[in-house]
Amino acid sequence: MTNGGDVVLAVGAHPDDLECTCAGTLAALVQRGVEVHYAVATDGWCGSYELSGPEIAAVRLEEARRAAEIVGAASFIHLGMHDQGTETSIERRRELVNLIRRLKVTVLLGHAPNDYHVDHRNSSQLLFAARCAAGVPNFADEPPLERMPNLAFVDNEQGLDFEPHLWIDIGETIDVKRRMLAAHVSQVGLMRQMYDEDLLEMVERLCRYRGGQRGCEFAEAFRHCGSYPDPDGALRFLVRTVEG
């Protein structure tokens, strides 16, 4: 099914988070003509033992920009924060609301509020608050949206304490997801240093695990936001667009 005018904004806390959690689904949306925008809250400032904050931030943002190009995103946006420095202030909410309104976003994808990392949790809180404010008058600079965007939460890197409401079969886009992950050369190296873990293998394990739950080879998992209005609106959009 092709796009019916929907605009998706996916927000990851760090430069590689969307690749780890929902890149296959984003690729499927782009292939079906959906306008997908790709945002990261932080810049990877804490992503190297050898490089300074500004040096590794430049590297990691360029890697994320390259991944966004691979998937065919309409734009790549850095929300202006550093690792370990995500903010949920009213000023950051205004900035994100203005972005959502300028892009005329109808669907938001982001981290769950109970995710494992403080930047993920803060990004989730910021996105939830911006969703609620996107349609209200007398807030921020851009004109309010006529309708509040729908919101869904993406899986976390190990699938811990995340009970899915929806599994999307990404068998047709797993190779795109692999190429996007491979663009994050610096993060692949950091994961080996910090955890003795192969990032690409770790993500593929999760996709196979979610695929096993779904009954396919590879899948990505999502939860609805559990909040009025249309708590499952984003999930219904994914099913209708990717699998309808």
Protein backbone atom coordinates (compact mmCIF):
# COMPACT_ATOMS: atom_id res chain seq x y z
CA MET A 1 0.00 0.00 0.00
CA THR A 2 1.34 3.48 -0.83
CA ASN A 3 1.42 6.54 1.38
CA GLY A 4 -1.80 8.47 1.95
CA GLY A 5 -0.14 11.72 3.01
CA ASP A 6 1.36 10.56 6.28
CA VAL A 7 4.64 12.02 7.52
CA VAL A 8 6.79 10.02 9.95
CA LEU A 9 9.34 11.49 12.34
CA ALA A 10 11.54 8.88 14.05
CA VAL A 11 13.58 10.16 17.00
CA GLY A 12 16.50 8.19 18.42
CA ALA A 13 18.47 9.29 21.45
CA HIS A 14 21.89 8.47 19.94
CA PRO A 15 23.18 8.38 16.36
CA ASP A 16 22.75 4.59 15.99
CA ASP A 17 19.55 3.97 17.97
CA LEU A 18 17.10 4.01 15.07
CA GLU A 19 19.25 1.55 13.15
CA CYS A 20 19.25 -0.81 16.13
CA THR A 21 15.51 -0.67 16.73
CA CYS A 22 13.38 0.25 13.73
CA ALA A 23 15.49 0.79 10.58
CA GLY A 24 13.91 -2.13 8.73
CA THR A 25 10.45 -0.67 9.28
CA LEU A 26 11.60 2.81 8.26
CA ALA A 27 13.04 1.33 5.07
CA ALA A 28 9.73 -0.43 4.33
CA LEU A 29 7.85 2.85 4.83
CA VAL A 30 10.17 4.73 2.48
CA GLN A 31 9.80 2.00 -0.14
CA ARG A 32 6.04 2.50 0.04
CA GLY A 33 6.31 6.23 -0.59
CA VAL A 34 6.00 7.50 2.98
CA GLU A 35 7.87 10.70 3.87
CA VAL A 36 10.21 9.67 6.69
CA HIS A 37 12.31 12.13 8.67
CA TYR A 38 15.22 10.92 10.75
CA ALA A 39 16.22 12.67 13.99
CA VAL A 40 18.75 12.05 16.76
CA ALA A 41 18.64 13.85 20.10
CA THR A 42 22.36 13.64 20.86
CA ASP A 43 25.56 13.73 18.85
CA GLY A 44 27.64 10.81 20.14
CA TRP A 45 29.83 13.10 22.26
CA CYS A 46 30.71 10.24 24.64
CA GLY A 47 31.38 7.72 21.88
CA SER A 48 35.16 7.34 21.97
CA TYR A 49 38.01 6.67 24.38
CA GLU A 50 40.52 8.14 21.93
CA LEU A 51 38.83 11.19 20.36
CA SER A 52 37.61 14.35 22.09
CA GLY A 53 33.90 15.09 22.41
CA PRO A 54 33.78 17.48 19.43
CA GLU A 55 35.84 15.11 17.27
CA ILE A 56 33.77 11.99 17.86
CA ALA A 57 30.52 13.97 17.66
CA ALA A 58 31.43 15.07 14.15
CA VAL A 59 32.22 11.46 13.19
CA ARG A 60 29.07 9.98 14.69
CA LEU A 61 26.72 12.56 13.23
CA GLU A 62 28.23 11.99 9.80
CA GLU A 63 27.72 8.23 10.23
CA ALA A 64 24.09 8.81 11.19
CA ARG A 65 23.62 11.15 8.24
CA ARG A 66 25.00 8.46 5.96
CA ALA A 67 22.59 5.89 7.43
CA ALA A 68 19.69 8.27 6.85
CA GLU A 69 20.78 8.59 3.22
CA ILE A 70 20.92 4.81 2.85
CA VAL A 71 17.33 4.42 4.04
CA GLY A 72 16.15 7.30 1.87
CA ALA A 73 15.03 9.64 4.65
CA ALA A 74 13.60 12.99 3.59
CA SER A 75 15.81 14.78 6.12
CA PHE A 76 18.30 14.22 8.93
CA ILE A 77 18.05 16.37 12.06
CA HIS A 78 20.22 16.62 15.17
CA LEU A 79 18.19 18.04 18.07
CA GLY A 80 21.25 19.80 19.48
CA MET A 81 22.12 17.83 22.63
CA HIS A 82 25.19 15.89 23.83
CA ASP A 83 25.33 12.33 25.17
CA GLN A 84 24.35 12.20 28.86
CA GLY A 85 22.84 15.67 28.37
CA THR A 86 19.34 15.08 27.00
CA GLU A 87 16.94 17.68 28.32
CA THR A 88 13.19 17.71 28.81
CA SER A 89 12.94 21.45 29.40
CA ILE A 90 10.15 23.66 28.09
CA GLU A 91 12.66 25.19 25.67
CA ARG A 92 13.55 21.81 24.16
CA ARG A 93 9.85 20.94 23.97
CA ARG A 94 9.17 24.15 22.03
CA GLU A 95 11.98 23.36 19.59
CA LEU A 96 10.68 19.86 18.96
CA VAL A 97 7.08 21.04 18.64
CA ASN A 98 8.15 23.60 16.04
CA LEU A 99 9.92 20.83 14.11
CA ILE A 100 6.90 18.52 14.27
CA ARG A 101 4.64 21.32 13.04
CA ARG A 102 6.97 22.43 10.22
CA LEU A 103 7.18 18.87 8.92
CA LYS A 104 3.42 18.33 9.44
CA VAL A 105 4.15 15.05 11.21
CA THR A 106 1.33 12.54 11.54
CA VAL A 107 3.27 9.63 13.12
CA LEU A 108 6.02 9.69 15.73
CA LEU A 109 8.34 6.79 16.57
CA GLY A 110 10.65 6.89 19.58
CA HIS A 111 12.00 5.19 22.68
CA ALA A 112 9.80 3.67 25.36
CA PRO A 113 9.71 5.50 28.71
CA ASN A 114 11.29 2.51 30.55
CA ASP A 115 14.25 2.09 28.17
CA TYR A 116 17.61 1.28 29.73
CA HIS A 117 19.59 4.49 29.07
CA VAL A 118 18.98 7.91 30.61
CA ASP A 119 19.19 9.58 27.20
CA HIS A 120 16.61 7.13 25.84
CA ARG A 121 14.26 7.81 28.75
CA ASN A 122 14.62 11.57 28.50
CA SER A 123 14.13 11.46 24.74
CA SER A 124 10.97 9.44 25.28
CA GLN A 125 9.65 11.96 27.78
CA LEU A 126 10.48 14.87 25.47
CA LEU A 127 8.79 13.23 22.48
CA PHE A 128 5.66 12.36 24.46
CA ALA A 129 5.35 15.94 25.73
CA ALA A 130 5.93 17.39 22.26
CA ARG A 131 3.25 15.10 20.83
CA CYS A 132 0.74 16.41 23.33
CA ALA A 133 1.67 20.04 22.59
CA ALA A 134 1.80 19.77 18.79
CA GLY A 135 -1.87 20.66 18.36
CA VAL A 136 -2.45 23.18 21.15
CA PRO A 137 -2.81 26.93 20.54
CA ASN A 138 -0.60 29.66 22.00
CA PHE A 139 2.48 27.48 22.34
CA ALA A 140 5.67 27.60 20.25
CA ASP A 141 6.04 29.57 17.01
CA GLU A 142 4.69 27.41 14.21
CA PRO A 143 0.91 27.11 13.70
CA PRO A 144 -0.56 24.18 15.65
CA LEU A 145 -1.38 20.96 13.85
CA GLU A 146 -5.04 20.19 13.25
CA ARG A 147 -4.54 16.75 14.77
CA MET A 148 -2.15 15.41 17.38
CA PRO A 149 0.38 12.98 15.82
CA ASN A 150 0.11 9.32 16.68
CA LEU A 151 2.97 7.82 18.67
CA ALA A 152 4.48 4.35 18.98
CA PHE A 153 7.44 3.14 21.01
CA VAL A 154 10.27 1.16 19.41
CA ASP A 155 12.01 -1.86 20.92
CA ASN A 156 15.24 -1.54 22.92
CA GLU A 157 18.59 -3.02 22.00
CA GLN A 158 18.17 -6.24 23.99
CA GLY A 159 14.38 -6.44 24.08
CA LEU A 160 14.41 -6.32 27.89
CA ASP A 161 11.15 -5.44 29.68
CA PHE A 162 9.53 -4.65 26.32
CA GLU A 163 6.34 -6.60 25.65
CA PRO A 164 5.40 -5.91 22.02
CA HIS A 165 1.95 -5.01 20.80
CA LEU A 166 3.03 -5.35 17.15
CA TRP A 167 5.71 -7.18 15.17
CA ILE A 168 6.61 -5.93 11.67
CA ASP A 169 8.14 -8.47 9.28
CA ILE A 170 11.34 -6.84 7.93
CA GLY A 171 12.56 -9.74 5.81
CA GLU A 172 12.41 -7.59 2.69
CA THR A 173 14.45 -4.76 4.24
CA ILE A 174 16.91 -6.54 6.55
CA ASP A 175 19.76 -5.89 4.11
CA VAL A 176 19.03 -2.15 4.20
CA LYS A 177 19.10 -2.28 8.00
CA ARG A 178 22.45 -4.10 7.89
CA ARG A 179 23.93 -1.46 5.60
CA MET A 180 22.68 1.32 7.85
CA LEU A 181 24.22 -0.32 10.92
CA ALA A 182 27.49 -0.89 9.09
CA ALA A 183 27.70 2.86 8.47
CA HIS A 184 28.28 3.33 12.22
CA VAL A 185 31.92 2.28 12.16
CA SER A 186 32.84 4.19 15.31
CA GLN A 187 29.99 2.73 17.36
CA VAL A 188 30.79 -0.80 16.20
CA GLY A 189 34.30 -0.25 17.54
CA LEU A 190 33.10 1.25 20.81
CA MET A 191 30.77 -1.68 21.48
CA ARG A 192 33.69 -4.06 21.10
CA GLN A 193 35.77 -1.98 23.54
CA MET A 194 33.05 -1.47 26.16
CA TYR A 195 31.13 -4.74 26.04
CA ASP A 196 33.13 -7.12 23.83
CA GLU A 197 29.99 -7.21 21.72
CA ASP A 198 29.54 -7.19 17.95
CA LEU A 199 26.84 -4.55 17.37
CA LEU A 200 25.66 -6.00 14.07
CA GLU A 201 25.35 -9.50 15.53
CA MET A 202 23.57 -8.17 18.63
CA VAL A 203 20.95 -6.36 16.56
CA GLU A 204 20.47 -9.31 14.23
CA ARG A 205 19.88 -11.61 17.23
CA LEU A 206 17.08 -9.34 18.38
CA CYS A 207 15.53 -9.25 14.89
CA ARG A 208 15.62 -13.06 14.73
CA TYR A 209 14.13 -13.30 18.23
CA ARG A 210 11.27 -10.94 17.34
CA GLY A 211 10.89 -12.77 14.04
CA GLY A 212 10.50 -16.05 15.90
CA GLN A 213 7.73 -14.51 17.98
CA ARG A 214 6.02 -13.24 14.84
CA GLY A 215 6.56 -16.42 12.81
CA CYS A 216 8.95 -14.96 10.24
CA GLU A 217 12.72 -14.74 9.90
CA PHE A 218 13.28 -11.10 10.97
CA ALA A 219 10.97 -8.65 12.70
CA GLU A 220 10.98 -5.38 14.65
CA ALA A 221 8.70 -4.82 17.63
CA PHE A 222 6.60 -1.84 18.67
CA ARG A 223 4.29 -0.79 21.48
CA HIS A 224 1.44 1.69 21.40
CA CYS A 225 1.78 4.81 23.55
CA GLY A 226 -1.19 3.93 25.75
CA SER A 227 -2.45 7.49 25.76
CA TYR A 228 -5.50 9.36 24.50
CA PRO A 229 -6.26 10.07 21.73
CA ASP A 230 -5.75 7.05 19.43
CA PRO A 231 -3.41 5.08 21.69
CA ASP A 232 -2.80 2.54 18.93
CA GLY A 233 -3.05 4.91 15.97
CA ALA A 234 0.61 4.59 15.03
CA LEU A 235 0.43 0.80 15.13
CA ARG A 236 -2.62 0.78 12.90
CA PHE A 237 -0.73 3.04 10.49
CA LEU A 238 2.22 0.63 10.39
CA VAL A 239 0.00 -2.39 9.71
CA ARG A 240 -2.05 -0.55 7.09
CA THR A 241 0.97 0.87 5.28
CA VAL A 242 3.57 -1.90 5.53
CA GLU A 243 1.38 -4.98 5.52
CA GLY A 244 -2.02 -3.81 4.28
